[in-house]
Protein backbone atom coordinates (compact mmCIF):
# COMPACT_ATOMS: atom_id res chain seq x y z
CA GLU A 1 -3.32 22.07 -12.28
CA ASP A 2 -0.22 21.43 -14.41
CA PRO A 3 -1.47 18.79 -16.93
CA GLU A 4 2.04 17.49 -17.49
CA LEU A 5 3.17 17.41 -13.46
CA LYS A 6 -0.81 15.21 -13.04
CA ARG A 7 -0.08 12.67 -15.98
CA HIS A 8 3.37 12.29 -14.75
CA LEU A 9 2.77 11.14 -11.24
CA ARG A 10 -0.42 9.20 -12.57
CA GLY A 11 2.28 7.09 -14.22
CA HIS A 12 4.51 7.00 -11.77
CA MET A 13 1.47 6.14 -9.02
CA ARG A 14 0.81 3.41 -11.78
CA GLU A 15 4.21 1.68 -11.80
CA VAL A 16 4.70 1.46 -7.79
CA HIS A 17 1.20 0.58 -7.85
CA ASP A 18 2.07 -2.39 -10.24
CA PHE A 19 5.33 -2.85 -8.53
CA VAL A 20 3.45 -3.62 -4.98
CA ALA A 21 1.02 -6.01 -6.96
CA ASP A 22 3.18 -8.07 -8.50
CA LEU A 23 5.15 -8.51 -4.82
CA ILE A 24 1.78 -9.44 -3.38
CA ARG A 25 1.13 -11.76 -5.86
CA ARG A 26 4.66 -13.34 -5.79
CA GLY A 27 3.25 -13.64 -2.21
CA GLN A 28 0.51 -15.56 -2.88
CA GLU A 29 2.66 -17.99 -5.13
CA GLN A 30 5.30 -18.06 -1.93
CA GLY A 31 2.22 -18.82 0.56
CA ALA A 32 2.69 -15.84 2.92
CA ILE A 33 -0.13 -13.79 1.56
CA ALA A 34 -3.70 -15.26 1.12
CA LYS A 35 -4.76 -16.60 -2.26
CA GLU A 36 -8.27 -15.04 -2.07
CA ARG A 37 -6.78 -11.68 -1.86
CA ASP A 38 -7.49 -9.13 -4.17
CA ALA A 39 -3.68 -7.99 -5.29
CA ASP A 40 -4.56 -4.72 -7.23
CA SER A 41 -7.15 -3.71 -4.71
CA GLU A 42 -4.54 -4.61 -1.56
CA ALA A 43 -1.50 -2.68 -3.67
CA TRP A 44 -3.87 0.11 -3.57
CA ILE A 45 -4.72 -0.27 -0.09
CA MET A 46 -1.25 -0.54 1.10
CA LEU A 47 0.00 2.81 -1.49
CA ALA A 48 -2.97 4.13 0.74
CA GLY A 49 -1.86 3.85 3.98
CA GLY A 50 1.50 4.82 2.76
CA ILE A 51 0.31 8.28 2.44
CA LEU A 52 -1.49 8.01 5.41
CA GLY A 53 1.61 7.54 7.46
CA MET A 54 3.50 9.93 5.61
CA VAL A 55 1.07 12.62 6.23
CA GLY A 56 -0.17 11.19 10.06
CA ARG A 57 3.49 11.13 10.80
CA ARG A 58 4.43 14.93 9.33
CA VAL A 59 0.72 16.69 11.44
CA GLY A 60 0.98 14.91 14.86
CA LEU A 61 -2.16 12.44 13.56
CA LEU A 62 -0.29 9.29 14.27
CA ASP A 63 2.84 8.09 16.43
CA ASP A 64 4.72 5.10 15.61
CA LYS A 65 2.78 2.86 18.22
CA GLU A 66 -0.82 3.42 15.99
CA LEU A 67 1.07 2.82 12.54
CA GLN A 68 2.34 -0.19 14.13
CA ALA A 69 -0.81 -1.00 14.82
CA ILE A 70 -2.10 -0.84 11.46
CA ARG A 71 0.77 -2.48 9.90
CA THR A 72 0.26 -5.79 11.90
CA ALA A 73 -3.73 -5.79 11.48
CA ARG A 74 -2.70 -5.12 7.68
CA LEU A 75 -0.73 -7.93 7.18
CA SER A 76 -2.82 -10.29 9.71
CA TRP A 77 -5.39 -9.60 7.23
CA LEU A 78 -3.18 -10.57 4.02
CA ARG A 79 -1.83 -13.59 5.45
CA GLY A 80 -5.57 -14.91 5.57
């Protein structure tokens, strides 16, 4: 509930999001990612997937095979 910590986390997550969204846009310019994908939305999905993977590994929810399947599916979607 610490307001300063919340502010810091929001800022940090926004910076990470913006970095990932820029990478996606660069990939779109290079033809590696489908142009019709929304870079900002996809960046949030990637961050959410990263958090799921981290928590999933820690609590034993997901194994390496499942995580790789998720990554493969997302890359396939992004490439169109």
